[in-house]
Amino acid sequence: MKILLLATLVVMGVLVPTELLAQTRCRCSSSEWVGKCTATISQERNWITVKTDTRQCARVDWYADEHPRLTIVVDGSDTEEWLGPTPRPRLTISDCKVCLDAEVSRGATPGARKPAEADDQIAGRWDCITRGSSPLGGGTSEWWITFTAQGGGVYVGAAQDPRGGAPDNYRATFDARSGTLRFEDKGWHESLGTWQVRGSAMNGRQSHGLGITEEYECRKTRS
């Protein structure tokens, strides 16, 4: 299976649980802000993604053109469908505040993670999209990979084509300090390079020579 030619990412199944989680876990009124954070915003087709530099609940205030909006972000990333009057609005961040989080104690440093959380950050299913480019053109493919913890920051990932067939197996090592997941290729399938992990989002890029590159974007959908 070549990841460049895979099939369909279901986004709606990701968004609804995130909204419910924010309602039950986050307390973001003005009296319950506990710190500042940094946020970024981007648009892909009709989906807008807001990311923060903390896995703790955060309130991000932003503008679409001149219209103010806010997003409660959980685990560092949130994606929502854009249904506004213009297809590609001008997006700007105005503020990012860390909120009280039911999973973090009041005395904890904003954005700090529980000791056992590093392993949980990777293990589970991630829905992914690959964007490939070459001198002859480009394309996209959609797939998923399920990671199983082996201990010591080592994971085995089974990448699956939604159209069926046997999964491709990968071995990877996660460095919690730098937030990087490095794929190995000795004795396993060809390497996917080194990916950056931020909360429930993961990104990577690699070149195959002859002007061929692949960019990977994944979002965790199941622990």
N, C-alpha and C. Protein backbone atom coordinates (compact mmCIF):
# COMPACT_ATOMS: atom_id res chain seq x y z
N MET A 1 0.85 -1.21 0.00
CA MET A 1 0.00 0.00 0.00
C MET A 1 0.87 1.24 0.00
N LYS A 2 0.67 2.14 -0.94
CA LYS A 2 1.36 3.42 -0.94
C LYS A 2 0.43 4.46 -0.33
N ILE A 3 0.93 5.18 0.66
CA ILE A 3 0.09 6.13 1.39
C ILE A 3 -0.40 7.24 0.49
N LEU A 4 0.32 7.52 -0.61
CA LEU A 4 -0.11 8.60 -1.50
C LEU A 4 -1.43 8.29 -2.18
N LEU A 5 -1.84 7.01 -2.23
CA LEU A 5 -3.04 6.63 -2.96
C LEU A 5 -4.03 5.91 -2.05
N LEU A 6 -4.45 6.57 -0.96
CA LEU A 6 -5.39 5.97 -0.02
C LEU A 6 -6.77 6.63 -0.15
N ALA A 7 -7.78 6.35 0.83
CA ALA A 7 -9.15 6.88 0.61
C ALA A 7 -9.69 7.82 1.69
N THR A 8 -10.75 7.93 2.60
CA THR A 8 -11.55 9.09 3.03
C THR A 8 -11.50 9.38 4.52
N LEU A 9 -11.17 10.58 4.87
CA LEU A 9 -11.13 11.02 6.28
C LEU A 9 -12.51 11.53 6.67
N VAL A 10 -13.07 10.99 7.76
CA VAL A 10 -14.38 11.42 8.22
C VAL A 10 -14.17 12.46 9.30
N VAL A 11 -14.48 13.73 8.98
CA VAL A 11 -14.18 14.81 9.91
C VAL A 11 -15.31 15.02 10.90
N MET A 12 -16.54 14.86 10.46
CA MET A 12 -17.65 15.16 11.36
C MET A 12 -17.62 14.29 12.60
N GLY A 13 -17.14 13.07 12.49
CA GLY A 13 -17.06 12.20 13.64
C GLY A 13 -16.05 12.66 14.65
N VAL A 14 -15.13 13.56 14.25
CA VAL A 14 -14.12 14.08 15.17
C VAL A 14 -14.64 15.28 15.94
N LEU A 15 -15.44 16.11 15.30
CA LEU A 15 -15.79 17.39 15.88
C LEU A 15 -16.80 17.30 17.02
N VAL A 16 -17.81 16.47 16.88
CA VAL A 16 -18.86 16.44 17.88
C VAL A 16 -18.36 16.02 19.25
N PRO A 17 -17.56 14.92 19.36
CA PRO A 17 -17.04 14.58 20.69
C PRO A 17 -16.18 15.67 21.29
N THR A 18 -15.42 16.41 20.47
CA THR A 18 -14.58 17.50 20.98
C THR A 18 -15.44 18.60 21.59
N GLU A 19 -16.55 18.95 20.96
CA GLU A 19 -17.43 19.98 21.49
C GLU A 19 -18.02 19.55 22.82
N LEU A 20 -18.47 18.29 22.92
CA LEU A 20 -19.03 17.79 24.17
C LEU A 20 -17.98 17.77 25.26
N LEU A 21 -16.75 17.39 24.90
CA LEU A 21 -15.67 17.35 25.88
C LEU A 21 -15.38 18.74 26.43
N ALA A 22 -15.38 19.76 25.56
CA ALA A 22 -15.12 21.12 26.01
C ALA A 22 -16.19 21.60 26.98
N GLN A 23 -17.45 21.22 26.75
CA GLN A 23 -18.55 21.67 27.60
C GLN A 23 -18.43 21.08 29.01
N THR A 24 -17.98 19.83 29.13
CA THR A 24 -17.94 19.17 30.43
C THR A 24 -16.61 19.35 31.14
N ARG A 25 -15.56 19.65 30.40
CA ARG A 25 -14.22 19.68 30.99
C ARG A 25 -13.71 21.09 31.25
N CYS A 26 -14.12 22.07 30.43
CA CYS A 26 -13.51 23.40 30.47
C CYS A 26 -14.40 24.42 31.17
N ARG A 27 -13.74 25.31 31.95
CA ARG A 27 -14.43 26.43 32.60
C ARG A 27 -13.70 27.69 32.18
N CYS A 28 -14.34 28.45 31.29
CA CYS A 28 -13.62 29.53 30.61
C CYS A 28 -14.26 30.92 30.78
N SER A 29 -15.03 31.12 31.87
CA SER A 29 -15.50 32.48 32.13
C SER A 29 -14.33 33.33 32.60
N SER A 30 -14.49 34.65 32.60
CA SER A 30 -13.37 35.56 32.88
C SER A 30 -12.73 35.32 34.25
N SER A 31 -13.51 34.84 35.23
CA SER A 31 -12.96 34.61 36.57
C SER A 31 -12.18 33.29 36.65
N GLU A 32 -12.21 32.51 35.58
CA GLU A 32 -11.59 31.19 35.60
C GLU A 32 -10.44 31.05 34.61
N TRP A 33 -9.92 32.18 34.11
CA TRP A 33 -8.72 32.16 33.29
C TRP A 33 -7.52 32.02 34.22
N VAL A 34 -6.58 31.16 33.88
CA VAL A 34 -5.44 30.90 34.77
C VAL A 34 -4.10 31.23 34.13
N GLY A 35 -4.10 31.69 32.90
CA GLY A 35 -2.84 32.03 32.25
C GLY A 35 -3.05 32.43 30.80
N LYS A 36 -1.93 32.77 30.15
CA LYS A 36 -1.95 33.14 28.74
C LYS A 36 -1.40 32.00 27.90
N CYS A 37 -1.73 32.02 26.61
CA CYS A 37 -1.22 31.00 25.70
C CYS A 37 -1.01 31.63 24.32
N THR A 38 -0.48 30.86 23.43
CA THR A 38 -0.26 31.29 22.05
C THR A 38 -1.08 30.42 21.12
N ALA A 39 -1.72 31.03 20.14
CA ALA A 39 -2.60 30.29 19.23
C ALA A 39 -2.29 30.62 17.78
N THR A 40 -2.60 29.68 16.90
CA THR A 40 -2.51 29.89 15.46
C THR A 40 -3.83 29.46 14.83
N ILE A 41 -4.11 29.98 13.64
CA ILE A 41 -5.36 29.65 12.95
C ILE A 41 -5.08 29.46 11.47
N SER A 42 -5.74 28.49 10.86
CA SER A 42 -5.54 28.21 9.44
C SER A 42 -6.83 27.68 8.84
N GLN A 43 -6.92 27.73 7.52
CA GLN A 43 -8.11 27.25 6.81
C GLN A 43 -7.71 26.28 5.72
N GLU A 44 -8.41 25.15 5.65
CA GLU A 44 -8.23 24.16 4.59
C GLU A 44 -9.61 23.85 4.02
N ARG A 45 -9.82 24.27 2.77
CA ARG A 45 -11.14 24.20 2.14
C ARG A 45 -12.15 24.93 3.03
N ASN A 46 -13.22 24.28 3.49
CA ASN A 46 -14.20 24.98 4.33
C ASN A 46 -14.06 24.59 5.80
N TRP A 47 -12.83 24.22 6.22
CA TRP A 47 -12.58 23.86 7.62
C TRP A 47 -11.53 24.79 8.20
N ILE A 48 -11.82 25.33 9.38
CA ILE A 48 -10.90 26.22 10.07
C ILE A 48 -10.35 25.51 11.31
N THR A 49 -9.03 25.51 11.46
CA THR A 49 -8.36 24.83 12.57
C THR A 49 -7.68 25.87 13.46
N VAL A 50 -7.96 25.79 14.76
CA VAL A 50 -7.33 26.65 15.76
C VAL A 50 -6.45 25.76 16.62
N LYS A 51 -5.16 26.12 16.77
CA LYS A 51 -4.22 25.35 17.58
C LYS A 51 -3.63 26.24 18.66
N THR A 52 -3.34 25.64 19.82
CA THR A 52 -2.70 26.36 20.93
C THR A 52 -1.42 25.63 21.34
N ASP A 53 -0.60 26.31 22.13
CA ASP A 53 0.64 25.71 22.60
C ASP A 53 0.47 25.03 23.96
N THR A 54 -0.78 24.70 24.34
CA THR A 54 -1.06 23.99 25.58
C THR A 54 -2.12 22.93 25.32
N ARG A 55 -2.03 21.82 26.06
CA ARG A 55 -3.06 20.79 25.97
C ARG A 55 -4.20 21.07 26.95
N GLN A 56 -4.00 22.04 27.84
CA GLN A 56 -5.04 22.43 28.78
C GLN A 56 -6.12 23.21 28.04
N CYS A 57 -7.35 23.21 28.58
CA CYS A 57 -8.44 23.98 27.97
C CYS A 57 -8.01 25.43 27.74
N ALA A 58 -8.36 25.98 26.61
CA ALA A 58 -8.00 27.36 26.29
C ALA A 58 -9.12 28.03 25.51
N ARG A 59 -9.30 29.32 25.79
CA ARG A 59 -10.26 30.14 25.04
C ARG A 59 -9.46 30.98 24.04
N VAL A 60 -9.78 30.83 22.76
CA VAL A 60 -9.11 31.59 21.71
C VAL A 60 -10.12 32.54 21.07
N ASP A 61 -9.84 33.84 21.14
CA ASP A 61 -10.66 34.84 20.47
C ASP A 61 -10.00 35.18 19.13
N TRP A 62 -10.80 35.19 18.07
CA TRP A 62 -10.25 35.44 16.75
C TRP A 62 -11.26 36.15 15.87
N TYR A 63 -10.80 36.64 14.74
CA TYR A 63 -11.65 37.37 13.80
C TYR A 63 -11.67 36.67 12.45
N ALA A 64 -12.84 36.60 11.85
CA ALA A 64 -13.01 36.21 10.45
C ALA A 64 -13.45 37.48 9.72
N ASP A 65 -12.53 38.05 8.94
CA ASP A 65 -12.72 39.41 8.41
C ASP A 65 -12.89 40.35 9.61
N GLU A 66 -14.01 41.03 9.73
CA GLU A 66 -14.22 41.95 10.86
C GLU A 66 -15.14 41.38 11.92
N HIS A 67 -15.46 40.11 11.82
CA HIS A 67 -16.44 39.50 12.73
C HIS A 67 -15.75 38.72 13.85
N PRO A 68 -15.98 39.09 15.12
CA PRO A 68 -15.33 38.39 16.24
C PRO A 68 -15.94 37.01 16.47
N ARG A 69 -15.09 36.06 16.81
CA ARG A 69 -15.52 34.70 17.12
C ARG A 69 -14.65 34.17 18.26
N LEU A 70 -15.08 33.07 18.87
CA LEU A 70 -14.25 32.43 19.88
C LEU A 70 -14.37 30.93 19.77
N THR A 71 -13.31 30.24 20.15
CA THR A 71 -13.27 28.79 20.12
C THR A 71 -12.67 28.30 21.44
N ILE A 72 -13.31 27.30 22.05
CA ILE A 72 -12.74 26.64 23.22
C ILE A 72 -11.96 25.43 22.70
N VAL A 73 -10.65 25.46 22.90
CA VAL A 73 -9.75 24.43 22.36
C VAL A 73 -9.38 23.44 23.47
N VAL A 74 -9.49 22.16 23.17
CA VAL A 74 -9.14 21.08 24.09
C VAL A 74 -8.00 20.28 23.48
N ASP A 75 -6.99 19.97 24.30
CA ASP A 75 -5.85 19.14 23.86
C ASP A 75 -5.09 19.76 22.69
N GLY A 76 -5.09 21.09 22.61
CA GLY A 76 -4.20 21.77 21.68
C GLY A 76 -4.71 22.03 20.29
N SER A 77 -5.87 21.51 19.90
CA SER A 77 -6.33 21.71 18.53
C SER A 77 -7.83 21.54 18.43
N ASP A 78 -8.48 22.37 17.59
CA ASP A 78 -9.91 22.24 17.35
C ASP A 78 -10.19 22.63 15.90
N THR A 79 -11.05 21.87 15.24
CA THR A 79 -11.42 22.14 13.85
C THR A 79 -12.92 22.31 13.74
N GLU A 80 -13.36 23.32 13.02
CA GLU A 80 -14.78 23.56 12.84
C GLU A 80 -15.08 23.95 11.40
N GLU A 81 -16.29 23.67 10.99
CA GLU A 81 -16.69 23.98 9.61
C GLU A 81 -16.99 25.47 9.48
N TRP A 82 -16.51 26.07 8.39
CA TRP A 82 -16.76 27.49 8.14
C TRP A 82 -17.98 27.62 7.25
N LEU A 83 -19.02 28.31 7.77
CA LEU A 83 -20.27 28.50 7.04
C LEU A 83 -20.57 29.98 6.87
N GLY A 84 -19.53 30.83 6.90
CA GLY A 84 -19.70 32.26 6.83
C GLY A 84 -20.01 32.76 5.42
N PRO A 85 -20.20 34.07 5.27
CA PRO A 85 -20.63 34.65 3.99
C PRO A 85 -19.54 34.64 2.92
N THR A 86 -18.27 34.62 3.30
CA THR A 86 -17.19 34.60 2.32
C THR A 86 -16.46 33.27 2.42
N PRO A 87 -16.07 32.67 1.29
CA PRO A 87 -15.45 31.33 1.33
C PRO A 87 -14.09 31.31 2.01
N ARG A 88 -13.30 32.37 1.88
CA ARG A 88 -11.97 32.41 2.50
C ARG A 88 -11.79 33.74 3.22
N PRO A 89 -12.27 33.85 4.46
CA PRO A 89 -12.16 35.10 5.20
C PRO A 89 -10.72 35.36 5.65
N ARG A 90 -10.43 36.60 5.98
CA ARG A 90 -9.13 36.95 6.56
C ARG A 90 -9.18 36.57 8.04
N LEU A 91 -8.28 35.69 8.47
CA LEU A 91 -8.30 35.13 9.83
C LEU A 91 -7.19 35.74 10.67
N THR A 92 -7.55 36.24 11.86
CA THR A 92 -6.56 36.79 12.78
C THR A 92 -6.89 36.38 14.21
N ILE A 93 -5.85 36.12 14.99
CA ILE A 93 -6.00 35.79 16.41
C ILE A 93 -5.92 37.08 17.22
N SER A 94 -6.84 37.27 18.16
CA SER A 94 -6.79 38.45 19.02
C SER A 94 -6.33 38.12 20.44
N ASP A 95 -6.63 36.90 20.93
CA ASP A 95 -6.23 36.57 22.30
C ASP A 95 -6.30 35.06 22.52
N CYS A 96 -5.51 34.59 23.49
CA CYS A 96 -5.53 33.18 23.88
C CYS A 96 -5.36 33.10 25.39
N LYS A 97 -6.33 32.51 26.08
CA LYS A 97 -6.29 32.41 27.54
C LYS A 97 -6.46 30.95 27.96
N VAL A 98 -5.63 30.52 28.92
CA VAL A 98 -5.75 29.17 29.48
C VAL A 98 -6.86 29.16 30.51
N CYS A 99 -7.73 28.15 30.46
CA CYS A 99 -8.91 28.07 31.33
C CYS A 99 -8.71 27.01 32.41
N LEU A 100 -9.59 27.06 33.41
CA LEU A 100 -9.63 25.96 34.36
C LEU A 100 -10.03 24.68 33.63
N ASP A 101 -9.34 23.61 33.96
CA ASP A 101 -9.51 22.34 33.25
C ASP A 101 -9.79 21.26 34.28
N ALA A 102 -10.88 20.53 34.10
CA ALA A 102 -11.26 19.49 35.07
C ALA A 102 -10.21 18.41 35.20
N GLU A 103 -9.31 18.26 34.20
CA GLU A 103 -8.28 17.23 34.24
C GLU A 103 -6.95 17.75 34.78
N VAL A 104 -6.90 19.03 35.17
CA VAL A 104 -5.68 19.62 35.69
C VAL A 104 -6.00 20.28 37.02
N SER A 105 -5.19 20.06 38.03
CA SER A 105 -5.44 20.65 39.35
C SER A 105 -5.22 22.15 39.32
N ARG A 106 -5.83 22.88 40.26
CA ARG A 106 -5.72 24.34 40.32
C ARG A 106 -4.28 24.80 40.50
N GLY A 107 -3.47 24.03 41.22
CA GLY A 107 -2.10 24.46 41.47
C GLY A 107 -1.12 24.11 40.37
N ALA A 108 -1.59 23.45 39.32
CA ALA A 108 -0.68 23.02 38.26
C ALA A 108 -0.29 24.19 37.37
N THR A 109 0.88 24.08 36.76
CA THR A 109 1.31 25.09 35.80
C THR A 109 0.44 25.01 34.56
N PRO A 110 -0.07 26.15 34.03
CA PRO A 110 -0.90 26.10 32.84
C PRO A 110 -0.22 25.33 31.73
N GLY A 111 -0.97 24.36 31.16
CA GLY A 111 -0.45 23.58 30.05
C GLY A 111 0.32 22.35 30.48
N ALA A 112 0.56 22.17 31.79
CA ALA A 112 1.34 21.01 32.24
C ALA A 112 0.54 19.73 32.05
N ARG A 113 1.24 18.63 31.76
CA ARG A 113 0.58 17.35 31.55
C ARG A 113 0.84 16.42 32.71
N LYS A 114 -0.08 15.52 32.96
CA LYS A 114 0.12 14.51 33.98
C LYS A 114 1.19 13.54 33.53
N PRO A 115 1.95 12.92 34.47
CA PRO A 115 3.07 12.07 34.09
C PRO A 115 2.72 10.97 33.12
N ALA A 116 1.55 10.34 33.29
CA ALA A 116 1.20 9.21 32.42
C ALA A 116 0.67 9.63 31.08
N GLU A 117 0.52 10.95 30.87
CA GLU A 117 -0.16 11.42 29.68
C GLU A 117 0.68 11.33 28.42
N ALA A 118 2.02 11.27 28.56
CA ALA A 118 2.88 11.24 27.39
C ALA A 118 2.61 9.99 26.55
N ASP A 119 2.51 8.81 27.21
CA ASP A 119 2.22 7.60 26.47
C ASP A 119 0.85 7.66 25.82
N ASP A 120 -0.16 8.16 26.56
CA ASP A 120 -1.51 8.25 26.04
C ASP A 120 -1.59 9.18 24.84
N GLN A 121 -0.67 10.13 24.74
CA GLN A 121 -0.72 11.11 23.66
C GLN A 121 -0.59 10.45 22.29
N ILE A 122 0.15 9.35 22.19
CA ILE A 122 0.39 8.71 20.90
C ILE A 122 -0.52 7.50 20.68
N ALA A 123 -0.66 6.64 21.70
CA ALA A 123 -1.42 5.40 21.54
C ALA A 123 -2.86 5.69 21.13
N GLY A 124 -3.36 4.94 20.16
CA GLY A 124 -4.72 5.12 19.67
C GLY A 124 -4.74 5.33 18.16
N ARG A 125 -5.89 5.70 17.66
CA ARG A 125 -6.08 5.86 16.21
C ARG A 125 -5.96 7.33 15.80
N TRP A 126 -5.27 7.56 14.68
CA TRP A 126 -5.12 8.88 14.09
C TRP A 126 -5.63 8.83 12.66
N ASP A 127 -6.52 9.75 12.29
CA ASP A 127 -6.99 9.87 10.91
C ASP A 127 -6.10 10.86 10.18
N CYS A 128 -5.63 10.49 9.00
CA CYS A 128 -4.56 11.24 8.32
C CYS A 128 -4.93 11.58 6.88
N ILE A 129 -4.26 12.60 6.36
CA ILE A 129 -4.34 12.94 4.95
C ILE A 129 -2.91 13.19 4.47
N THR A 130 -2.59 12.67 3.31
CA THR A 130 -1.28 12.87 2.69
C THR A 130 -1.45 13.75 1.46
N ARG A 131 -0.58 14.76 1.34
CA ARG A 131 -0.55 15.60 0.14
C ARG A 131 0.79 15.38 -0.55
N GLY A 132 0.74 14.85 -1.74
CA GLY A 132 1.96 14.55 -2.48
C GLY A 132 2.15 15.48 -3.65
N SER A 133 3.40 15.75 -3.97
CA SER A 133 3.71 16.58 -5.13
C SER A 133 4.93 16.01 -5.84
N SER A 134 4.97 16.20 -7.16
CA SER A 134 6.07 15.73 -7.98
C SER A 134 6.12 16.60 -9.23
N PRO A 135 7.20 16.50 -10.04
CA PRO A 135 7.26 17.28 -11.28
C PRO A 135 6.10 17.00 -12.23
N LEU A 136 5.44 15.86 -12.05
CA LEU A 136 4.33 15.49 -12.94
C LEU A 136 2.97 15.88 -12.37
N GLY A 137 2.93 16.46 -11.17
CA GLY A 137 1.66 16.84 -10.56
C GLY A 137 1.60 16.43 -9.11
N GLY A 138 0.40 16.40 -8.55
CA GLY A 138 0.24 16.06 -7.14
C GLY A 138 -1.08 15.38 -6.89
N GLY A 139 -1.33 15.07 -5.63
CA GLY A 139 -2.59 14.44 -5.27
C GLY A 139 -2.71 14.31 -3.76
N THR A 140 -3.86 13.88 -3.30
CA THR A 140 -4.09 13.67 -1.86
C THR A 140 -4.65 12.27 -1.63
N SER A 141 -4.43 11.75 -0.46
CA SER A 141 -4.99 10.46 -0.07
C SER A 141 -5.31 10.50 1.42
N GLU A 142 -6.25 9.70 1.83
CA GLU A 142 -6.71 9.69 3.21
C GLU A 142 -6.63 8.28 3.78
N TRP A 143 -6.26 8.13 5.04
CA TRP A 143 -5.98 6.84 5.64
C TRP A 143 -6.00 6.99 7.15
N TRP A 144 -5.72 5.92 7.87
CA TRP A 144 -5.59 6.04 9.32
C TRP A 144 -4.47 5.12 9.80
N ILE A 145 -3.93 5.45 10.97
CA ILE A 145 -2.88 4.64 11.58
C ILE A 145 -3.19 4.48 13.07
N THR A 146 -3.05 3.27 13.57
CA THR A 146 -3.32 2.97 14.97
C THR A 146 -2.01 2.59 15.66
N PHE A 147 -1.65 3.35 16.71
CA PHE A 147 -0.41 3.12 17.43
C PHE A 147 -0.68 2.31 18.71
N THR A 148 0.19 1.34 18.97
CA THR A 148 0.16 0.55 20.20
C THR A 148 1.48 0.76 20.94
N ALA A 149 1.39 1.13 22.23
CA ALA A 149 2.59 1.40 23.02
C ALA A 149 3.33 0.10 23.33
N GLN A 150 4.67 0.15 23.15
CA GLN A 150 5.52 -0.99 23.47
C GLN A 150 6.34 -0.75 24.72
N GLY A 151 6.26 0.46 25.29
CA GLY A 151 7.04 0.82 26.47
C GLY A 151 8.30 1.58 26.09
N GLY A 152 8.73 2.46 26.98
CA GLY A 152 9.95 3.21 26.75
C GLY A 152 9.84 4.21 25.61
N GLY A 153 8.64 4.67 25.31
CA GLY A 153 8.45 5.64 24.24
C GLY A 153 8.42 5.02 22.85
N VAL A 154 8.39 3.69 22.76
CA VAL A 154 8.38 3.00 21.47
C VAL A 154 6.95 2.57 21.14
N TYR A 155 6.57 2.73 19.86
CA TYR A 155 5.22 2.40 19.41
C TYR A 155 5.30 1.60 18.11
N VAL A 156 4.30 0.76 17.92
CA VAL A 156 4.10 0.11 16.64
C VAL A 156 2.82 0.67 16.04
N GLY A 157 2.89 1.15 14.80
CA GLY A 157 1.74 1.73 14.13
C GLY A 157 1.31 0.90 12.94
N ALA A 158 0.01 0.62 12.85
CA ALA A 158 -0.55 -0.12 11.72
C ALA A 158 -1.33 0.86 10.85
N ALA A 159 -0.81 1.15 9.65
CA ALA A 159 -1.45 2.09 8.74
C ALA A 159 -2.41 1.35 7.82
N GLN A 160 -3.65 1.85 7.74
CA GLN A 160 -4.71 1.13 7.04
C GLN A 160 -5.32 1.97 5.92
N ASP A 161 -5.46 1.35 4.75
CA ASP A 161 -6.18 1.95 3.63
C ASP A 161 -7.67 1.68 3.84
N PRO A 162 -8.54 2.73 3.82
CA PRO A 162 -9.98 2.49 4.02
C PRO A 162 -10.59 1.55 2.99
N ARG A 163 -9.92 1.37 1.86
CA ARG A 163 -10.46 0.47 0.84
C ARG A 163 -10.20 -0.98 1.16
N GLY A 164 -9.42 -1.26 2.22
CA GLY A 164 -9.16 -2.63 2.62
C GLY A 164 -7.72 -3.03 2.36
N GLY A 165 -7.45 -4.31 2.56
CA GLY A 165 -6.10 -4.81 2.39
C GLY A 165 -5.35 -4.88 3.70
N ALA A 166 -4.20 -5.55 3.67
CA ALA A 166 -3.40 -5.70 4.89
C ALA A 166 -2.76 -4.37 5.27
N PRO A 167 -2.68 -4.06 6.58
CA PRO A 167 -2.06 -2.80 7.00
C PRO A 167 -0.55 -2.82 6.83
N ASP A 168 0.04 -1.65 6.68
CA ASP A 168 1.49 -1.49 6.70
C ASP A 168 1.92 -1.21 8.14
N ASN A 169 2.95 -1.88 8.61
CA ASN A 169 3.41 -1.72 9.99
C ASN A 169 4.63 -0.83 10.06
N TYR A 170 4.63 0.06 11.05
CA TYR A 170 5.74 0.98 11.26
C TYR A 170 6.16 0.92 12.73
N ARG A 171 7.42 1.19 12.98
CA ARG A 171 7.92 1.29 14.34
C ARG A 171 8.41 2.71 14.54
N ALA A 172 8.04 3.32 15.67
CA ALA A 172 8.37 4.73 15.89
C ALA A 172 8.72 4.96 17.36
N THR A 173 9.54 5.98 17.60
CA THR A 173 9.94 6.36 18.95
C THR A 173 9.52 7.79 19.22
N PHE A 174 8.85 8.01 20.35
CA PHE A 174 8.34 9.34 20.69
C PHE A 174 9.23 9.98 21.75
N ASP A 175 9.65 11.23 21.48
CA ASP A 175 10.41 12.04 22.43
C ASP A 175 9.46 13.08 23.00
N ALA A 176 9.01 12.88 24.26
CA ALA A 176 8.02 13.77 24.85
C ALA A 176 8.56 15.18 25.06
N ARG A 177 9.87 15.33 25.26
CA ARG A 177 10.44 16.65 25.50
C ARG A 177 10.37 17.53 24.27
N SER A 178 10.68 16.97 23.11
CA SER A 178 10.65 17.76 21.87
C SER A 178 9.34 17.62 21.12
N GLY A 179 8.49 16.65 21.52
CA GLY A 179 7.23 16.42 20.83
C GLY A 179 7.40 15.83 19.45
N THR A 180 8.48 15.03 19.23
CA THR A 180 8.73 14.45 17.92
C THR A 180 8.54 12.94 17.94
N LEU A 181 7.99 12.42 16.85
CA LEU A 181 7.79 10.99 16.66
C LEU A 181 8.64 10.57 15.47
N ARG A 182 9.67 9.77 15.73
CA ARG A 182 10.62 9.39 14.69
C ARG A 182 10.36 7.95 14.23
N PHE A 183 10.05 7.79 12.95
CA PHE A 183 9.77 6.47 12.39
C PHE A 183 11.06 5.77 11.98
N GLU A 184 11.13 4.47 12.28
CA GLU A 184 12.28 3.66 11.88
C GLU A 184 11.96 2.92 10.59
N ASP A 185 13.02 2.46 9.89
CA ASP A 185 12.79 1.68 8.68
C ASP A 185 13.59 0.38 8.65
N LYS A 186 14.37 0.09 9.69
CA LYS A 186 15.15 -1.14 9.73
C LYS A 186 14.23 -2.32 10.06
N GLY A 187 14.10 -3.23 9.12
CA GLY A 187 13.29 -4.42 9.36
C GLY A 187 11.80 -4.18 9.31
N TRP A 188 11.39 -2.94 8.99
CA TRP A 188 9.97 -2.62 8.91
C TRP A 188 9.68 -2.00 7.56
N HIS A 189 8.52 -1.45 7.38
CA HIS A 189 8.17 -0.75 6.15
C HIS A 189 9.02 0.51 6.02
N GLU A 190 9.10 1.07 4.83
CA GLU A 190 9.89 2.28 4.64
C GLU A 190 9.50 3.37 5.63
N SER A 191 10.46 4.16 6.07
CA SER A 191 10.24 5.18 7.10
C SER A 191 9.32 6.29 6.60
N LEU A 192 8.58 6.89 7.56
CA LEU A 192 7.77 8.08 7.26
C LEU A 192 8.47 9.33 7.76
N GLY A 193 9.73 9.22 8.16
CA GLY A 193 10.48 10.38 8.60
C GLY A 193 10.21 10.72 10.05
N THR A 194 10.30 12.01 10.39
CA THR A 194 10.07 12.49 11.75
C THR A 194 8.88 13.44 11.73
N TRP A 195 7.92 13.20 12.63
CA TRP A 195 6.70 14.00 12.69
C TRP A 195 6.70 14.84 13.97
N GLN A 196 6.03 15.98 13.91
CA GLN A 196 5.86 16.85 15.08
C GLN A 196 4.47 16.63 15.66
N VAL A 197 4.41 16.39 16.97
CA VAL A 197 3.13 16.12 17.65
C VAL A 197 2.78 17.32 18.51
N ARG A 198 1.55 17.85 18.33
CA ARG A 198 1.05 18.95 19.15
C ARG A 198 -0.37 18.63 19.59
N GLY A 199 -0.51 18.16 20.83
CA GLY A 199 -1.84 17.81 21.33
C GLY A 199 -2.41 16.66 20.53
N SER A 200 -3.58 16.87 19.93
CA SER A 200 -4.24 15.83 19.15
C SER A 200 -3.97 15.98 17.66
N ALA A 201 -2.95 16.76 17.30
CA ALA A 201 -2.57 16.94 15.89
C ALA A 201 -1.13 16.49 15.68
N MET A 202 -0.84 15.99 14.48
CA MET A 202 0.49 15.49 14.16
C MET A 202 0.78 15.81 12.69
N ASN A 203 1.99 16.31 12.41
CA ASN A 203 2.37 16.70 11.05
C ASN A 203 3.76 16.19 10.71
N GLY A 204 3.95 15.82 9.45
CA GLY A 204 5.26 15.38 9.00
C GLY A 204 5.47 15.67 7.53
N ARG A 205 6.73 15.58 7.10
CA ARG A 205 7.05 15.84 5.71
C ARG A 205 8.32 15.07 5.36
N GLN A 206 8.36 14.51 4.15
CA GLN A 206 9.58 13.86 3.71
C GLN A 206 9.71 13.94 2.20
N SER A 207 10.96 13.87 1.72
CA SER A 207 11.27 13.91 0.30
C SER A 207 11.77 12.54 -0.14
N HIS A 208 11.39 12.15 -1.36
CA HIS A 208 11.78 10.85 -1.90
C HIS A 208 12.79 10.99 -3.04
N GLY A 209 13.27 12.21 -3.30
CA GLY A 209 14.16 12.42 -4.42
C GLY A 209 13.40 12.67 -5.70
N LEU A 210 14.09 13.18 -6.72
CA LEU A 210 13.48 13.46 -8.02
C LEU A 210 12.32 14.44 -7.91
N GLY A 211 12.35 15.30 -6.89
CA GLY A 211 11.31 16.30 -6.73
C GLY A 211 10.01 15.80 -6.16
N ILE A 212 10.01 14.59 -5.61
CA ILE A 212 8.78 14.01 -5.05
C ILE A 212 8.77 14.22 -3.53
N THR A 213 7.70 14.83 -3.02
CA THR A 213 7.57 15.06 -1.58
C THR A 213 6.18 14.64 -1.12
N GLU A 214 6.07 14.33 0.16
CA GLU A 214 4.80 14.02 0.79
C GLU A 214 4.69 14.77 2.10
N GLU A 215 3.52 15.37 2.35
CA GLU A 215 3.24 16.03 3.62
C GLU A 215 2.07 15.30 4.29
N TYR A 216 2.22 15.05 5.59
CA TYR A 216 1.23 14.28 6.33
C TYR A 216 0.58 15.17 7.40
N GLU A 217 -0.74 15.10 7.50
CA GLU A 217 -1.49 15.78 8.56
C GLU A 217 -2.43 14.77 9.20
N CYS A 218 -2.30 14.59 10.52
CA CYS A 218 -3.12 13.59 11.22
C CYS A 218 -3.78 14.22 12.45
N ARG A 219 -4.92 13.67 12.82
CA ARG A 219 -5.65 14.13 14.01
C ARG A 219 -6.09 12.90 14.78
N LYS A 220 -5.85 12.91 16.10
CA LYS A 220 -6.21 11.76 16.92
C LYS A 220 -7.72 11.71 17.11
N THR A 221 -8.30 10.54 16.82
CA THR A 221 -9.75 10.39 16.90
C THR A 221 -10.18 9.34 17.90
N ARG A 222 -9.24 8.55 18.40
CA ARG A 222 -9.63 7.49 19.33
C ARG A 222 -8.43 7.10 20.17
N SER A 223 -8.61 7.00 21.48
CA SER A 223 -7.52 6.58 22.38
C SER A 223 -7.47 5.08 22.52
